[in-house]
C-alpha cells in the first residue's frame, strides 16, 4: 500500500450491465439491464471500491434497491 501511495482502489467485477443500457436520471447515470460478462478477468461478481484506511471513508447516501432478475 505505501509502495504505490494509493489509499483506495476500484475492483471491476466479472459482470455488469452493458453501457448501452444505462439511463440518465437528472444528472446521474444509472446502469440498467441484465449483467453480462465484462472480460475484466476478475473473480468478483460486482464492482467494489476498497478503502485501505477506514478513517477516510464516509457514508453519504444509503440506497434501498429492489433487484429483479439476475
N, C-alpha and C. Protein backbone atom coordinates (compact mmCIF):
# COMPACT_ATOMS: atom_id res chain seq x y z
N UNK A 1 0.83 -1.19 0.00
CA UNK A 1 0.00 0.00 0.00
C UNK A 1 0.87 1.25 0.00
N UNK A 2 1.82 1.35 0.88
CA UNK A 2 2.66 2.54 0.91
C UNK A 2 3.56 2.64 -0.31
N UNK A 3 3.93 1.49 -0.84
CA UNK A 3 4.79 1.47 -2.01
C UNK A 3 4.12 2.17 -3.19
N UNK A 4 2.83 1.93 -3.39
CA UNK A 4 2.10 2.51 -4.52
C UNK A 4 1.49 3.87 -4.20
N UNK A 5 1.51 4.26 -2.92
CA UNK A 5 0.95 5.54 -2.47
C UNK A 5 -0.51 5.69 -2.85
N UNK A 6 -1.26 4.62 -2.75
CA UNK A 6 -2.70 4.66 -3.01
C UNK A 6 -3.44 4.48 -1.70
N UNK A 7 -4.57 5.17 -1.55
CA UNK A 7 -5.36 4.98 -0.35
C UNK A 7 -6.68 4.27 -0.64
N UNK A 8 -6.92 3.96 -1.92
CA UNK A 8 -8.11 3.20 -2.30
C UNK A 8 -7.91 2.64 -3.70
N UNK A 9 -8.81 1.73 -4.06
CA UNK A 9 -8.76 1.14 -5.39
C UNK A 9 -10.17 0.70 -5.78
N UNK A 10 -10.40 0.51 -7.05
CA UNK A 10 -11.68 0.01 -7.53
C UNK A 10 -11.46 -1.34 -8.20
N UNK A 11 -12.21 -2.34 -7.75
CA UNK A 11 -12.16 -3.66 -8.37
C UNK A 11 -13.30 -3.75 -9.37
N UNK A 12 -12.98 -4.10 -10.58
CA UNK A 12 -14.01 -4.26 -11.61
C UNK A 12 -14.54 -5.68 -11.56
N UNK A 13 -15.84 -5.81 -11.47
CA UNK A 13 -16.47 -7.12 -11.37
C UNK A 13 -16.47 -7.87 -12.68
N UNK A 14 -16.81 -9.16 -12.57
CA UNK A 14 -16.82 -10.00 -13.76
C UNK A 14 -18.09 -9.82 -14.59
N UNK A 15 -19.13 -9.17 -13.99
CA UNK A 15 -20.37 -8.91 -14.73
C UNK A 15 -20.87 -7.50 -14.43
N UNK A 16 -21.49 -6.89 -15.43
CA UNK A 16 -22.08 -5.56 -15.27
C UNK A 16 -23.07 -5.34 -16.42
N UNK A 17 -24.05 -4.47 -16.22
CA UNK A 17 -24.95 -4.15 -17.33
C UNK A 17 -24.16 -3.46 -18.46
N UNK A 18 -24.51 -3.72 -19.71
CA UNK A 18 -23.79 -3.06 -20.81
C UNK A 18 -24.08 -1.55 -20.80
N UNK A 19 -23.09 -0.76 -21.18
CA UNK A 19 -23.24 0.70 -21.18
C UNK A 19 -24.40 1.15 -22.06
N UNK A 20 -24.74 0.37 -23.07
CA UNK A 20 -25.85 0.75 -23.94
C UNK A 20 -27.19 0.73 -23.20
N UNK A 21 -27.24 0.08 -22.04
CA UNK A 21 -28.49 0.02 -21.28
C UNK A 21 -28.56 1.09 -20.18
N UNK A 22 -27.53 1.90 -20.03
CA UNK A 22 -27.52 2.93 -18.99
C UNK A 22 -28.59 3.98 -19.28
N UNK A 23 -29.11 4.58 -18.23
CA UNK A 23 -30.10 5.64 -18.36
C UNK A 23 -29.66 6.83 -17.51
N UNK A 24 -30.14 8.01 -17.85
CA UNK A 24 -29.77 9.21 -17.10
C UNK A 24 -30.99 9.73 -16.36
N UNK A 25 -30.87 9.87 -15.05
CA UNK A 25 -31.92 10.44 -14.21
C UNK A 25 -31.40 11.76 -13.67
N UNK A 26 -31.93 12.84 -14.18
CA UNK A 26 -31.42 14.18 -13.87
C UNK A 26 -29.94 14.22 -14.23
N UNK A 27 -29.03 14.34 -13.27
CA UNK A 27 -27.60 14.41 -13.58
C UNK A 27 -26.86 13.13 -13.22
N UNK A 28 -27.58 12.04 -12.98
CA UNK A 28 -26.95 10.79 -12.53
C UNK A 28 -27.14 9.72 -13.59
N UNK A 29 -26.06 9.06 -13.96
CA UNK A 29 -26.13 7.95 -14.90
C UNK A 29 -26.31 6.67 -14.10
N UNK A 30 -27.35 5.91 -14.44
CA UNK A 30 -27.71 4.70 -13.71
C UNK A 30 -27.57 3.49 -14.62
N UNK A 31 -26.73 2.51 -14.24
CA UNK A 31 -26.64 1.30 -15.04
C UNK A 31 -27.91 0.48 -14.89
N UNK A 32 -28.45 0.02 -16.03
CA UNK A 32 -29.66 -0.82 -16.03
C UNK A 32 -29.40 -2.02 -16.90
N UNK A 33 -30.30 -2.95 -16.85
CA UNK A 33 -30.20 -4.10 -17.73
C UNK A 33 -29.61 -5.31 -17.06
N UNK A 34 -29.62 -6.40 -17.79
CA UNK A 34 -29.13 -7.67 -17.30
C UNK A 34 -27.60 -7.67 -17.33
N UNK A 35 -26.94 -8.07 -16.23
CA UNK A 35 -25.47 -8.12 -16.23
C UNK A 35 -24.94 -9.11 -17.27
N UNK A 36 -23.88 -8.71 -17.93
CA UNK A 36 -23.19 -9.56 -18.91
C UNK A 36 -21.72 -9.61 -18.54
N UNK A 37 -21.01 -10.57 -19.07
CA UNK A 37 -19.58 -10.72 -18.79
C UNK A 37 -18.82 -9.47 -19.23
N UNK A 38 -17.86 -9.01 -18.40
CA UNK A 38 -17.11 -7.79 -18.70
C UNK A 38 -15.71 -8.07 -19.24
N UNK A 39 -15.27 -9.31 -19.18
CA UNK A 39 -13.91 -9.66 -19.60
C UNK A 39 -12.85 -8.93 -18.77
N UNK A 40 -13.18 -8.62 -17.50
CA UNK A 40 -12.23 -7.91 -16.64
C UNK A 40 -11.18 -8.86 -16.07
N UNK A 41 -11.45 -10.16 -16.12
CA UNK A 41 -10.53 -11.13 -15.53
C UNK A 41 -10.68 -11.23 -14.02
N UNK A 42 -11.65 -10.54 -13.47
CA UNK A 42 -11.88 -10.52 -12.03
C UNK A 42 -12.68 -11.74 -11.59
N UNK A 43 -12.43 -12.16 -10.36
CA UNK A 43 -13.22 -13.24 -9.77
C UNK A 43 -14.38 -12.68 -8.96
N UNK A 44 -14.44 -11.35 -8.81
CA UNK A 44 -15.53 -10.72 -8.07
C UNK A 44 -16.74 -10.61 -8.99
N UNK A 45 -17.92 -10.75 -8.44
CA UNK A 45 -19.12 -10.70 -9.26
C UNK A 45 -19.62 -9.29 -9.53
N UNK A 46 -19.11 -8.30 -8.81
CA UNK A 46 -19.61 -6.92 -8.94
C UNK A 46 -18.47 -5.93 -8.74
N UNK A 47 -18.70 -4.68 -9.13
CA UNK A 47 -17.71 -3.64 -8.89
C UNK A 47 -17.68 -3.30 -7.40
N UNK A 48 -16.52 -2.96 -6.91
CA UNK A 48 -16.38 -2.66 -5.49
C UNK A 48 -15.23 -1.68 -5.29
N UNK A 49 -15.48 -0.67 -4.45
CA UNK A 49 -14.42 0.25 -4.07
C UNK A 49 -13.82 -0.23 -2.76
N UNK A 50 -12.51 -0.29 -2.69
CA UNK A 50 -11.81 -0.73 -1.47
C UNK A 50 -11.03 0.46 -0.93
N UNK A 51 -11.30 0.81 0.32
CA UNK A 51 -10.59 1.89 1.01
C UNK A 51 -9.70 1.24 2.04
N UNK A 52 -8.40 1.53 1.99
CA UNK A 52 -7.45 0.88 2.88
C UNK A 52 -7.51 1.43 4.30
N UNK A 53 -7.80 2.71 4.46
CA UNK A 53 -7.86 3.33 5.77
C UNK A 53 -9.31 3.73 6.05
N UNK A 54 -9.98 3.01 6.94
CA UNK A 54 -11.40 3.23 7.19
C UNK A 54 -11.70 4.64 7.70
N UNK A 55 -10.73 5.32 8.28
CA UNK A 55 -10.98 6.70 8.74
C UNK A 55 -11.17 7.66 7.56
N UNK A 56 -10.84 7.22 6.35
CA UNK A 56 -11.03 8.05 5.16
C UNK A 56 -12.38 7.81 4.49
N UNK A 57 -13.13 6.84 4.98
CA UNK A 57 -14.43 6.50 4.38
C UNK A 57 -15.55 7.18 5.14
N UNK A 58 -16.52 7.69 4.39
CA UNK A 58 -17.69 8.32 4.99
C UNK A 58 -18.90 7.96 4.14
N UNK A 59 -19.93 7.43 4.77
CA UNK A 59 -21.15 7.08 4.05
C UNK A 59 -21.98 8.35 3.92
N UNK A 60 -22.28 8.72 2.69
CA UNK A 60 -23.08 9.92 2.44
C UNK A 60 -24.53 9.58 2.10
N UNK A 61 -24.72 8.45 1.43
CA UNK A 61 -26.06 8.08 0.99
C UNK A 61 -26.29 6.60 1.29
N UNK A 62 -27.49 6.28 1.67
CA UNK A 62 -27.89 4.88 1.81
C UNK A 62 -29.04 4.67 0.84
N UNK A 63 -28.89 3.71 -0.04
CA UNK A 63 -29.90 3.43 -1.06
C UNK A 63 -30.54 2.09 -0.80
N UNK A 64 -31.81 2.03 -1.02
CA UNK A 64 -32.51 0.76 -0.98
C UNK A 64 -32.99 0.48 -2.39
N UNK A 65 -32.60 -0.67 -2.92
CA UNK A 65 -32.94 -1.01 -4.28
C UNK A 65 -33.57 -2.39 -4.33
N UNK A 66 -34.48 -2.55 -5.26
CA UNK A 66 -35.07 -3.86 -5.50
C UNK A 66 -34.47 -4.41 -6.78
N UNK A 67 -33.85 -5.56 -6.68
CA UNK A 67 -33.19 -6.17 -7.83
C UNK A 67 -34.09 -7.28 -8.36
N UNK A 68 -34.63 -7.09 -9.56
CA UNK A 68 -35.47 -8.09 -10.20
C UNK A 68 -34.66 -8.81 -11.25
N UNK A 69 -34.67 -10.14 -11.20
CA UNK A 69 -33.91 -10.93 -12.16
C UNK A 69 -32.44 -10.91 -11.81
N UNK A 70 -31.69 -11.82 -12.36
CA UNK A 70 -30.24 -11.83 -12.16
C UNK A 70 -29.56 -12.85 -13.01
